[in-house]
Amino acid sequence: MAVTNGMAVTDRVPTGERADLLAALRRHRGFLRQTVAGLDDAQAARRSTASELCLGGIVKHVAITERSWARFAEGGAEAMRSEPVDWAGQFRMDEGDTLVALLAEFDRVAAATDALVTTLDLDAAHPLPDEPWFEPGAAWTVRRVLLHLIAEIAQHAGHADIIRESIDGAKTMG
């Protein structure tokens, strides 16, 4: 951790654009946390729509996705691929998964990403992975990665709200 004027860089209070990015990330993470509040593991694992999604699976997916994009922001496509992802399994709660443990990992990943927001050069860019869903030859800045994460978390918080409402009628956003 870098130290400037006796203060750890990650201890700085962000201002301007960095503060705005952090506020948006935290707001949408908060919506997702609020949506799963008060659920037991069976409710969090319940599929209440035609899709494979469950609330615990959404929390798991958001943490995996955020961790993956944070690795990309730090070190590019190779860093992003450094941890294999179970694409189907990340959307469900596996035997032994608990909502408490999934939320603890979600919070740990969020704290690590928040620290990156305060330290990384927002203009630094990396070429995107060579995947069919990315524009060939495109590169994203750290800023764009963070904006993508905000959109991803917000979208999944909305999915979670629909699933929660179908489980017990509770609404987070409406």
Protein backbone atom coordinates (compact mmCIF):
# COMPACT_ATOMS: atom_id res chain seq x y z
CA MET A 1 0.00 0.00 0.00
CA ALA A 2 1.43 3.37 -0.96
CA VAL A 3 1.82 6.02 1.71
CA THR A 4 1.62 9.74 1.00
CA ASN A 5 2.24 12.34 3.74
CA GLY A 6 1.93 9.60 6.36
CA MET A 7 -1.53 8.54 5.14
CA ALA A 8 -2.23 5.31 3.30
CA VAL A 9 -3.53 6.08 -0.18
CA THR A 10 -6.57 3.87 0.42
CA ASP A 11 -7.35 5.97 3.55
CA ARG A 12 -7.80 9.13 1.49
CA VAL A 13 -11.30 10.49 1.29
CA PRO A 14 -12.08 10.46 -2.42
CA THR A 15 -13.45 13.58 -4.04
CA GLY A 16 -14.85 14.50 -7.43
CA GLU A 17 -15.21 11.73 -9.96
CA ARG A 18 -13.81 9.05 -7.64
CA ALA A 19 -16.35 9.96 -4.96
CA ASP A 20 -19.13 9.82 -7.55
CA LEU A 21 -18.03 6.39 -8.78
CA LEU A 22 -17.84 5.04 -5.24
CA ALA A 23 -21.25 6.48 -4.37
CA ALA A 24 -22.85 4.84 -7.41
CA LEU A 25 -21.21 1.46 -6.72
CA ARG A 26 -22.25 1.58 -3.07
CA ARG A 27 -25.80 2.67 -3.86
CA HIS A 28 -26.50 -0.24 -6.21
CA ARG A 29 -24.74 -2.75 -3.97
CA GLY A 30 -26.95 -1.42 -1.19
CA PHE A 31 -30.08 -2.07 -3.24
CA LEU A 32 -28.98 -5.68 -3.75
CA ARG A 33 -28.18 -6.12 -0.05
CA GLN A 34 -31.54 -4.59 0.90
CA THR A 35 -33.33 -6.96 -1.47
CA VAL A 36 -31.91 -10.07 0.22
CA ALA A 37 -32.22 -8.76 3.78
CA GLY A 38 -34.13 -11.05 6.10
CA LEU A 39 -34.08 -14.10 3.85
CA ASP A 40 -33.06 -17.55 5.01
CA ASP A 41 -30.89 -19.82 2.89
CA ALA A 42 -33.85 -21.73 1.43
CA GLN A 43 -35.48 -18.50 0.27
CA ALA A 44 -32.17 -17.21 -1.13
CA ALA A 45 -31.75 -20.46 -3.10
CA ARG A 46 -35.33 -20.54 -4.39
CA ARG A 47 -35.95 -20.13 -8.12
CA SER A 48 -39.18 -18.20 -8.36
CA THR A 49 -39.18 -17.41 -12.08
CA ALA A 50 -38.63 -19.38 -15.28
CA SER A 51 -34.93 -18.54 -15.22
CA GLU A 52 -32.17 -20.29 -13.28
CA LEU A 53 -31.63 -17.19 -11.15
CA CYS A 54 -32.01 -17.20 -7.41
CA LEU A 55 -31.20 -14.38 -5.02
CA GLY A 56 -28.14 -16.06 -3.53
CA GLY A 57 -26.94 -16.83 -7.05
CA ILE A 58 -27.26 -13.18 -8.01
CA VAL A 59 -25.19 -12.14 -4.99
CA LYS A 60 -22.60 -14.78 -5.93
CA HIS A 61 -22.56 -13.70 -9.60
CA VAL A 62 -22.17 -10.01 -8.77
CA ALA A 63 -19.22 -10.75 -6.47
CA ILE A 64 -17.55 -12.99 -9.07
CA THR A 65 -18.13 -10.45 -11.83
CA GLU A 66 -16.90 -7.53 -9.75
CA ARG A 67 -13.77 -9.43 -8.69
CA SER A 68 -13.08 -10.38 -12.31
CA TRP A 69 -13.43 -6.83 -13.63
CA ALA A 70 -11.32 -5.48 -10.76
CA ARG A 71 -8.54 -7.87 -11.80
CA PHE A 72 -8.94 -6.58 -15.36
CA ALA A 73 -8.70 -2.97 -14.17
CA GLU A 74 -5.45 -3.79 -12.37
CA GLY A 75 -3.76 -6.04 -14.89
CA GLY A 76 -5.73 -6.51 -18.10
CA ALA A 77 -7.23 -9.57 -19.75
CA GLU A 78 -4.61 -12.01 -18.46
CA ALA A 79 -5.29 -10.97 -14.87
CA MET A 80 -9.02 -11.27 -15.52
CA ARG A 81 -8.58 -14.86 -16.69
CA SER A 82 -6.37 -15.80 -13.73
CA GLU A 83 -9.31 -17.32 -11.83
CA PRO A 84 -11.52 -19.87 -13.61
CA VAL A 85 -15.25 -19.16 -13.46
CA ASP A 86 -18.02 -21.75 -13.28
CA TRP A 87 -20.37 -19.90 -15.63
CA ALA A 88 -23.46 -21.97 -14.82
CA GLY A 89 -22.73 -22.40 -11.12
CA GLN A 90 -22.28 -18.74 -10.37
CA PHE A 91 -26.02 -18.13 -10.71
CA ARG A 92 -27.15 -20.67 -8.12
CA MET A 93 -26.49 -21.55 -4.53
CA ASP A 94 -24.56 -24.79 -4.30
CA GLU A 95 -24.80 -27.25 -1.44
CA GLY A 96 -22.97 -25.67 1.46
CA ASP A 97 -23.47 -22.10 0.24
CA THR A 98 -25.13 -19.81 2.75
CA LEU A 99 -26.46 -16.34 2.17
CA VAL A 100 -24.35 -15.07 5.07
CA ALA A 101 -21.16 -16.43 3.46
CA LEU A 102 -22.11 -15.14 0.01
CA LEU A 103 -22.76 -11.67 1.43
CA ALA A 104 -19.45 -11.73 3.31
CA GLU A 105 -17.62 -12.46 0.03
CA PHE A 106 -19.72 -9.80 -1.72
CA ASP A 107 -18.62 -7.28 0.94
CA ARG A 108 -14.97 -8.35 0.74
CA VAL A 109 -14.94 -7.94 -3.04
CA ALA A 110 -16.71 -4.57 -2.76
CA ALA A 111 -14.12 -3.29 -0.27
CA ALA A 112 -11.28 -4.38 -2.57
CA THR A 113 -12.90 -2.66 -5.55
CA ASP A 114 -13.53 0.48 -3.53
CA ALA A 115 -9.83 0.58 -2.63
CA LEU A 116 -8.95 0.35 -6.33
CA VAL A 117 -11.24 3.28 -7.12
CA THR A 118 -9.12 5.42 -4.82
CA THR A 119 -5.76 4.29 -6.24
CA LEU A 120 -5.91 3.27 -9.90
CA ASP A 121 -5.38 5.68 -12.77
CA LEU A 122 -8.91 6.03 -14.19
CA ASP A 123 -7.45 6.72 -17.65
CA ALA A 124 -5.30 3.57 -17.75
CA ALA A 125 -6.61 1.21 -20.43
CA HIS A 126 -6.27 -2.48 -21.23
CA PRO A 127 -7.29 -4.39 -24.36
CA LEU A 128 -10.46 -6.40 -23.76
CA PRO A 129 -10.26 -10.18 -23.76
CA ASP A 130 -10.59 -11.85 -27.13
CA GLU A 131 -14.20 -12.98 -26.70
CA PRO A 132 -17.08 -12.87 -29.19
CA TRP A 133 -19.12 -10.51 -27.00
CA PHE A 134 -16.42 -7.81 -27.05
CA GLU A 135 -15.57 -5.58 -29.99
CA PRO A 136 -12.36 -6.95 -31.55
CA GLY A 137 -9.34 -4.85 -30.69
CA ALA A 138 -11.20 -2.63 -28.21
CA ALA A 139 -9.68 -1.41 -24.96
CA TRP A 140 -11.41 -0.15 -21.83
CA THR A 141 -10.17 2.38 -19.34
CA VAL A 142 -10.47 1.75 -15.62
CA ARG A 143 -13.21 4.40 -15.65
CA ARG A 144 -15.21 2.44 -18.23
CA VAL A 145 -14.74 -0.77 -16.24
CA LEU A 146 -16.17 0.96 -13.17
CA LEU A 147 -19.10 2.33 -15.17
CA HIS A 148 -19.70 -1.19 -16.50
CA LEU A 149 -19.68 -2.54 -12.95
CA ILE A 150 -22.20 0.07 -11.84
CA ALA A 151 -24.51 -0.94 -14.70
CA GLU A 152 -24.00 -4.65 -14.01
CA ILE A 153 -24.76 -4.32 -10.30
CA ALA A 154 -27.80 -2.10 -10.96
CA GLN A 155 -29.18 -4.52 -13.54
CA HIS A 156 -28.83 -7.48 -11.19
CA ALA A 157 -30.30 -5.53 -8.28
CA GLY A 158 -33.38 -5.06 -10.48
CA HIS A 159 -33.49 -8.77 -11.29
CA ALA A 160 -33.22 -9.52 -7.58
CA ASP A 161 -36.09 -7.17 -6.80
CA ILE A 162 -38.37 -9.08 -9.18
CA ILE A 163 -37.34 -12.43 -7.74
CA ARG A 164 -37.80 -11.23 -4.15
CA GLU A 165 -41.26 -9.90 -4.92
CA SER A 166 -42.27 -13.26 -6.36
CA ILE A 167 -41.01 -15.05 -3.23
CA ASP A 168 -42.72 -13.04 -0.51
CA GLY A 169 -44.13 -9.84 -2.00
CA ALA A 170 -41.35 -7.63 -0.65
CA LYS A 171 -40.22 -4.81 -2.94
CA THR A 172 -36.92 -3.01 -2.70
CA MET A 173 -37.35 -0.46 -5.46
CA GLY A 174 -41.03 0.11 -5.79
